[in-house]
Amino acid sequence: MRIAVVGLGNMGQALAGALARGGRAVAGWNRTPRTLPDLAAAGVRLTPRLADAVGDAEVVLLISLSYGSTRATLAPVEALLPGKTLVQFCSGLPDEARAFAAWAAALGCGLLDVGIMGYPSDIGSERVLLLYDGEPALFARLCPLLAPLGPRQRHVGAAPGLAKTYDNVLLARNYTWMMSYLQSAALARAAGLDTTLFTDIAMDLLGPLFRNIERAKGEIAAGHFAPATQASLAVHEKALATVLEVARGSGARTPLLDAAHAAMRAAIAAGAGDREIAACFAQFLPPGEAPAGEALSD
């Protein structure tokens, strides 16, 4: 199938180049004409006219800043779109994704919406995770075509907005983890430690962290937070209180740890002091919402 890539910024160039190097027939268009010798050398047919790129394509990859800018870009060529499959890569809100899906359906277009967990330099490698929503049969048909974008491509459901919801929630995790590392590195510096050695040791401890997350996953899914077999929440709270005392002595600022300590204390006050640390999950839910099942059942 012939592919058009609409939008040749950093991500668009990475997508177009990976597809062309993977043997796909790719045409590329950018609103502002650009000289892109690397793409031309990879086999991308660059065209100054959007109609030429879109008109010959069966699949159109859309890479822009927003759903609104995508609609504005495509407005002059809407008559060429019925029967084509659109693959939308922009960032945005789930509600915007649903509105865009309704617009695409009204035009008679197939649609896959994509959340990209990675940077342009990650495209084509195992470092990037591509999350798609849309009709499962359409994903199954296009997945081999889009395989050069990376080996980790995952369909998260048919409903419009799912890919963008996953994208935003996973970014929340990424930012929280990154800021947590930066905060702990700052504490290491303030306490007089070598931050490079500290980071190396911290990386060695990722295994136990991931095992805790794996255990918490099952408890969250069941809505059942079992009595602790390794370390109770009360034990964790005392350990974190000691950490905060060290931080105060060093002068380091610890807003994330302060929030974590507050969540632990609230969970203990709710009766979860003898449970595993996963019992703090309830402290981050919307007010009034309880975990599924009996959160504190034996």
Protein backbone atom coordinates (compact mmCIF):
# COMPACT_ATOMS: atom_id res chain seq x y z
CA MET A 1 0.00 0.00 0.00
CA ARG A 2 1.13 3.53 -0.76
CA ILE A 3 1.65 5.78 2.25
CA ALA A 4 1.53 9.55 2.60
CA VAL A 5 3.18 11.25 5.57
CA VAL A 6 1.61 14.65 6.21
CA GLY A 7 3.84 16.78 8.43
CA LEU A 8 7.62 16.45 8.26
CA GLY A 9 8.80 17.84 11.55
CA ASN A 10 11.18 15.76 13.65
CA MET A 11 8.68 12.97 14.31
CA GLY A 12 7.27 13.01 10.78
CA GLN A 13 10.77 12.70 9.33
CA ALA A 14 11.51 9.76 11.63
CA LEU A 15 8.29 7.98 10.66
CA ALA A 16 8.68 8.60 6.93
CA GLY A 17 12.34 7.58 6.94
CA ALA A 18 11.72 4.36 8.85
CA LEU A 19 8.91 3.33 6.51
CA ALA A 20 10.92 4.12 3.38
CA ARG A 21 13.97 2.28 4.65
CA GLY A 22 11.64 -0.63 5.37
CA GLY A 23 10.74 -0.82 1.70
CA ARG A 24 7.41 1.01 1.83
CA ALA A 25 6.27 3.42 -0.90
CA VAL A 26 6.18 6.77 0.91
CA ALA A 27 5.30 10.29 -0.19
CA GLY A 28 5.98 13.18 2.17
CA TRP A 29 4.52 16.67 2.45
CA ASN A 30 5.17 19.55 4.83
CA ARG A 31 3.28 22.83 5.10
CA THR A 32 6.55 24.77 4.93
CA PRO A 33 8.67 23.38 2.06
CA ARG A 34 11.90 21.92 3.41
CA THR A 35 15.01 20.44 1.87
CA LEU A 36 15.32 16.99 3.39
CA PRO A 37 18.14 15.16 1.63
CA ASP A 38 18.17 12.28 4.11
CA LEU A 39 14.53 11.48 3.39
CA ALA A 40 15.05 11.78 -0.33
CA ALA A 41 18.03 9.44 -0.08
CA ALA A 42 15.90 6.95 1.88
CA GLY A 43 13.39 6.88 -0.97
CA VAL A 44 10.69 9.24 0.29
CA ARG A 45 9.00 11.07 -2.58
CA LEU A 46 8.81 14.69 -1.40
CA THR A 47 6.10 16.79 -2.97
CA PRO A 48 5.16 20.46 -2.52
CA ARG A 49 1.45 19.73 -3.15
CA LEU A 50 -0.62 18.06 -0.44
CA ALA A 51 -3.09 16.80 -3.03
CA ASP A 52 -0.30 14.91 -4.82
CA ALA A 53 0.83 13.18 -1.63
CA VAL A 54 -2.65 12.31 -0.38
CA GLY A 55 -4.26 11.58 -3.73
CA ASP A 56 -1.96 8.65 -4.55
CA ALA A 57 -1.96 7.16 -1.04
CA GLU A 58 -4.09 4.44 0.48
CA VAL A 59 -2.84 5.17 4.01
CA VAL A 60 -2.25 8.71 5.30
CA LEU A 61 -0.10 9.30 8.39
CA LEU A 62 -0.94 12.58 10.09
CA ILE A 63 1.72 14.23 12.26
CA SER A 64 0.79 17.67 13.55
CA LEU A 65 0.54 19.59 16.81
CA SER A 66 -3.17 19.06 17.39
CA TYR A 67 -6.37 17.55 16.06
CA GLY A 68 -7.53 21.03 15.08
CA SER A 69 -4.43 21.71 13.01
CA THR A 70 -4.84 18.32 11.32
CA ARG A 71 -8.42 19.17 10.33
CA ALA A 72 -7.31 22.56 9.02
CA THR A 73 -4.49 21.00 7.01
CA LEU A 74 -6.76 18.39 5.43
CA ALA A 75 -9.66 20.76 4.67
CA PRO A 76 -8.47 21.59 1.11
CA VAL A 77 -8.18 17.88 0.22
CA GLU A 78 -11.22 16.43 2.03
CA ALA A 79 -12.71 15.31 -1.27
CA LEU A 80 -9.73 12.98 -1.75
CA LEU A 81 -10.03 11.26 1.63
CA PRO A 82 -13.08 8.92 1.43
CA GLY A 83 -11.97 5.31 1.32
CA LYS A 84 -8.50 6.01 2.70
CA THR A 85 -7.17 5.01 6.10
CA LEU A 86 -5.94 7.80 8.35
CA VAL A 87 -3.34 7.13 11.05
CA GLN A 88 -3.31 10.02 13.51
CA PHE A 89 -0.13 10.65 15.52
CA CYS A 90 -0.77 14.04 17.14
CA SER A 91 -1.02 14.61 20.89
CA GLY A 92 -4.29 15.69 22.38
CA LEU A 93 -7.21 15.03 24.68
CA PRO A 94 -9.35 11.88 24.50
CA ASP A 95 -12.44 14.03 23.74
CA GLU A 96 -10.58 15.55 20.79
CA ALA A 97 -9.72 12.06 19.56
CA ARG A 98 -13.38 11.04 19.73
CA ALA A 99 -14.47 14.13 17.81
CA PHE A 100 -11.81 13.47 15.17
CA ALA A 101 -12.97 9.85 14.86
CA ALA A 102 -16.53 11.01 14.25
CA TRP A 103 -15.29 13.41 11.55
CA ALA A 104 -13.24 10.67 9.87
CA ALA A 105 -16.19 8.26 9.93
CA ALA A 106 -18.47 10.86 8.38
CA LEU A 107 -15.96 11.24 5.54
CA GLY A 108 -15.86 7.48 5.00
CA CYS A 109 -12.28 7.05 6.24
CA GLY A 110 -10.81 4.28 8.31
CA LEU A 111 -8.92 5.52 11.33
CA LEU A 112 -6.24 4.36 13.71
CA ASP A 113 -5.26 6.80 16.46
CA VAL A 114 -1.77 6.39 17.91
CA GLY A 115 -0.04 7.22 21.15
CA ILE A 116 3.75 7.33 20.72
CA MET A 117 5.74 6.45 23.83
CA GLY A 118 9.17 7.52 22.63
CA TYR A 119 11.20 10.18 20.85
CA PRO A 120 11.88 10.58 17.12
CA SER A 121 15.28 8.94 17.57
CA ASP A 122 13.52 5.86 19.01
CA ILE A 123 11.38 5.21 15.92
CA GLY A 124 12.22 1.87 14.33
CA SER A 125 13.75 0.46 17.52
CA GLU A 126 12.56 -1.50 20.55
CA ARG A 127 12.74 1.70 22.61
CA VAL A 128 9.45 3.03 21.21
CA LEU A 129 6.00 1.71 22.12
CA LEU A 130 3.15 2.53 19.73
CA LEU A 131 -0.38 2.29 21.17
CA TYR A 132 -3.27 2.13 18.68
CA ASP A 133 -7.03 2.38 19.01
CA GLY A 134 -9.50 1.68 16.22
CA GLU A 135 -11.15 -1.33 14.62
CA PRO A 136 -9.16 -4.50 15.46
CA ALA A 137 -9.40 -5.78 11.87
CA LEU A 138 -7.99 -2.51 10.54
CA PHE A 139 -5.11 -2.65 13.01
CA ALA A 140 -4.37 -6.26 12.04
CA ARG A 141 -4.33 -5.29 8.36
CA LEU A 142 -2.05 -2.26 8.81
CA CYS A 143 0.29 -3.63 11.47
CA PRO A 144 2.56 -5.39 8.93
CA LEU A 145 2.65 -2.24 6.80
CA LEU A 146 3.68 -0.11 9.79
CA ALA A 147 6.10 -2.69 11.21
CA PRO A 148 9.21 -0.63 10.31
CA LEU A 149 8.11 1.96 12.89
CA GLY A 150 9.10 -0.44 15.68
CA PRO A 151 8.51 -3.98 16.90
CA ARG A 152 6.39 -2.94 19.88
CA GLN A 153 2.98 -2.06 18.45
CA ARG A 154 -0.04 -2.68 20.66
CA HIS A 155 -3.78 -2.40 20.05
CA VAL A 156 -5.49 -1.07 23.21
CA GLY A 157 -9.11 -1.23 22.06
CA ALA A 158 -11.61 -0.17 19.44
CA ALA A 159 -13.10 2.85 21.21
CA PRO A 160 -11.85 6.26 20.02
CA GLY A 161 -9.85 8.10 22.67
CA LEU A 162 -8.32 5.01 24.27
CA ALA A 163 -4.86 5.49 22.76
CA LYS A 164 -4.71 9.11 23.90
CA THR A 165 -5.96 8.17 27.38
CA TYR A 166 -3.23 5.54 27.70
CA ASP A 167 -0.69 8.02 26.30
CA ASN A 168 -1.53 10.71 28.85
CA VAL A 169 -1.72 8.35 31.83
CA LEU A 170 1.58 6.70 30.89
CA LEU A 171 3.17 10.12 30.54
CA ALA A 172 1.95 10.88 34.07
CA ARG A 173 3.85 7.80 35.22
CA ASN A 174 6.96 8.78 33.24
CA TYR A 175 7.04 12.32 34.60
CA THR A 176 6.42 11.11 38.16
CA TRP A 177 9.22 8.56 37.94
CA MET A 178 11.64 11.03 36.35
CA MET A 179 10.91 13.72 38.90
CA SER A 180 11.25 11.12 41.66
CA TYR A 181 14.72 10.22 40.40
CA LEU A 182 15.72 13.90 40.13
CA GLN A 183 14.45 14.56 43.65
CA SER A 184 16.40 11.60 45.07
CA ALA A 185 19.52 12.62 43.14
CA ALA A 186 19.21 16.12 44.61
CA LEU A 187 18.91 14.55 48.07
CA ALA A 188 22.02 12.47 47.35
CA ARG A 189 23.93 15.62 46.34
CA ALA A 190 22.73 17.53 49.41
CA ALA A 191 23.76 14.61 51.63
CA GLY A 192 27.26 14.68 50.17
CA LEU A 193 27.00 11.58 47.97
CA ASP A 194 28.40 11.03 44.48
CA THR A 195 25.32 11.34 42.26
CA THR A 196 26.81 9.11 39.53
CA LEU A 197 27.48 6.28 41.96
CA PHE A 198 24.09 6.85 43.58
CA THR A 199 22.36 6.54 40.19
CA ASP A 200 24.25 3.36 39.32
CA ILE A 201 23.20 1.78 42.62
CA ALA A 202 19.61 2.97 42.16
CA MET A 203 19.48 1.34 38.72
CA ASP A 204 20.62 -1.94 40.29
CA LEU A 205 17.58 -1.76 42.59
CA LEU A 206 14.97 -1.53 39.83
CA GLY A 207 14.28 -5.27 40.04
CA PRO A 208 12.73 -5.15 43.53
CA LEU A 209 10.75 -2.05 42.54
CA PHE A 210 9.29 -3.84 39.52
CA ARG A 211 8.42 -6.88 41.65
CA ASN A 212 6.52 -4.60 44.03
CA ILE A 213 4.63 -3.12 41.08
CA GLU A 214 3.82 -6.58 39.72
CA ARG A 215 2.41 -7.61 43.11
CA ALA A 216 0.46 -4.36 43.39
CA LYS A 217 -1.03 -4.88 39.91
CA GLY A 218 -2.88 -7.99 41.05
CA GLU A 219 -4.10 -6.39 44.26
CA ILE A 220 -5.37 -3.31 42.43
CA ALA A 221 -7.19 -5.43 39.84
CA ALA A 222 -8.86 -7.48 42.58
CA GLY A 223 -9.58 -4.53 44.85
CA HIS A 224 -8.08 -6.67 47.61
CA PHE A 225 -5.06 -5.46 49.56
CA ALA A 226 -3.73 -8.42 51.48
CA PRO A 227 -2.11 -8.39 54.91
CA ALA A 228 1.61 -7.76 54.52
CA THR A 229 3.94 -10.72 54.15
CA GLN A 230 7.12 -8.68 53.45
CA ALA A 231 6.73 -5.20 54.94
CA SER A 232 3.56 -3.54 56.17
CA LEU A 233 2.51 -0.03 55.30
CA ALA A 234 3.24 0.96 58.90
CA VAL A 235 6.84 -0.22 58.44
CA HIS A 236 7.14 1.70 55.18
CA GLU A 237 5.77 4.85 56.84
CA LYS A 238 8.40 4.72 59.58
CA ALA A 239 11.14 4.19 56.99
CA LEU A 240 9.92 7.14 54.94
CA ALA A 241 9.72 9.31 58.07
CA THR A 242 13.42 8.58 58.62
CA VAL A 243 14.18 9.46 54.99
CA LEU A 244 12.40 12.79 55.43
CA GLU A 245 14.38 13.48 58.60
CA VAL A 246 17.61 12.93 56.66
CA ALA A 247 16.31 15.23 53.90
CA ARG A 248 15.51 17.98 56.39
CA GLY A 249 18.99 17.71 57.80
CA SER A 250 20.52 18.06 54.33
CA GLY A 251 18.33 20.99 53.31
CA ALA A 252 17.02 19.15 50.22
CA ARG A 253 13.45 19.80 49.09
CA THR A 254 11.24 16.71 48.89
CA PRO A 255 7.73 17.59 47.64
CA LEU A 256 7.13 14.16 46.11
CA LEU A 257 8.25 12.36 49.24
CA ASP A 258 6.10 14.66 51.37
CA ALA A 259 3.10 13.72 49.24
CA ALA A 260 3.98 10.01 49.48
CA HIS A 261 4.25 10.27 53.26
CA ALA A 262 0.88 12.00 53.48
CA ALA A 263 -0.70 9.22 51.37
CA MET A 264 0.82 6.55 53.61
CA ARG A 265 -0.44 8.23 56.77
CA ALA A 266 -3.92 8.62 55.29
CA ALA A 267 -4.01 4.94 54.31
CA ILE A 268 -2.91 3.93 57.79
CA ALA A 269 -5.60 6.15 59.30
CA ALA A 270 -8.12 4.33 57.07
CA GLY A 271 -7.08 1.02 58.62
CA ALA A 272 -4.51 -0.23 56.13
CA GLY A 273 -1.44 -0.13 58.36
CA ASP A 274 -1.02 -3.92 58.31
CA ARG A 275 -1.33 -4.14 54.49
CA GLU A 276 1.25 -4.03 51.73
CA ILE A 277 2.17 -0.60 50.34
CA ALA A 278 -0.25 -1.12 47.43
CA ALA A 279 -3.05 -0.21 49.84
CA CYS A 280 -2.09 3.43 49.26
CA PHE A 281 -3.76 3.10 45.84
CA ALA A 282 -7.07 4.26 47.31
CA GLN A 283 -5.51 7.58 48.35
CA PHE A 284 -5.05 8.61 44.71
CA LEU A 285 -8.55 7.78 43.45
CA PRO A 286 -11.14 10.53 42.86
CA PRO A 287 -12.81 11.62 46.11
CA GLY A 288 -15.52 9.21 47.18
CA GLU A 289 -14.40 6.41 44.85
CA ALA A 290 -13.31 3.14 46.42
CA PRO A 291 -11.20 0.40 44.81
CA ALA A 292 -13.21 -2.39 43.20
CA GLY A 293 -14.06 -5.17 45.65
CA GLU A 294 -13.32 -4.96 49.35
CA ALA A 295 -10.15 -2.93 49.66
CA LEU A 296 -9.40 -4.00 53.22
CA SER A 297 -10.87 -7.50 53.25
CA ASP A 298 -8.87 -10.44 54.57
